[in-house]
Amino acid sequence: MPQLPAPDYPADVRARLEADGKEIVARYPDSRSALLPLLHLVQAEEGYVSRTGMAFCADLLKLTTAEVTAVATFYSMYRRKPSGDYQVGVCTNTLCAVLGGDAIFDELKRHLGVGNNETTEDGKVTLEHIECNAACDFAPVVMVNWEFFDNQTPESAKRLVDDLRAGRQVEPTRGAPLCTYQETARILAGFPDERPGAVEATGGAGPASLVGLKLAKGETTGARVVHPRDEVPRDAATEEGE
C-alpha cells in the first residue's frame, strides 16, 4: 500500500521553523543550497529527519520529496529514525581498531544491550561505529554528538555512557562543552551556540598532526630513519662489528 502523505507540523512549530528556515535560505544565492542546513534544522526539532521534516524542506525550497529524500538518505549525519540524546560513535577504522576501538565497541554493545545504530531503552544513548573521527593522534577515539573523547579504553568508555545515562556532567577531552544531539543539530544548521564559554572553548591537534602540518607548509624537521622491524639499525650493526 502506498504511504499516506506525511502529517504537517503543528501550526506554532511550523511557523517557528519557517522563520528559521527563511533565515537559512537567505544565506545562499541558490535556495537549493540551503537543503543541508535545513535538514539539520528539522533534525533539531525531532531528533531525526522524519517524513514531516523532509516534506517541510521540500515545500520551503520548492523541491520534490524525492529530491530531499535522496540527500537525507545519502549522508549518515542525518538520522532516519528516533535516536538518543547522545550519539556515541566509536571509531573502528584501522588505527583506532588496532589500538582498542574494536574492543571498546564490542564492550559497549554488551554493556548497553544494543547493536550498531540502536538506542538504549531509556532513549539516552544511540551507539554506532564510525569509520574515522579524523583524530588518529588520540586513538582510540569515541565521539559524543561530534565532541571528542580521546585515548579511551573499554572501562573509560563504559563510565562515559553510564554518566550520560545518569545525567551526570561529562566534559569532552577538547572542544566545546557537550550538549544534546538536538542542540548540536541546531548549531550545525548555522545558528549560534549561545552557551557561556562554548565559542571560546577549543582543542589543539596532536603532535603527529602538527608535524604533518609543518611538512605541508614546507617546513623541515630533523631527519629520522625508521628501520623495518626485522632489520638491525646500521649504528647497532656497526657497534656489534667493532
Foldseek 3Di string as FASTA:
>chain_A
DDDDQDDEDPPVVLVVLLVVLVVQQVVDPQSVVLLVLQLLLVCLVQVACESNSLVSSCVSNVHDSVVSVVVLVVDPLGHYDHAAQKEKEWACADLLVVVASVVLQVLCCVLQVHHAQDHHPVRHYGYHYDPDLPQSLFHRWMDILNATAGVDHNVVSSVVVVCRVVVHADAGPFAFGDGTNSVSSNVVSPDDDPPPPRVVTGDDHDPVVVVVVCVVVVHDDDDDDDDPPPDDDPVVVVVVVD
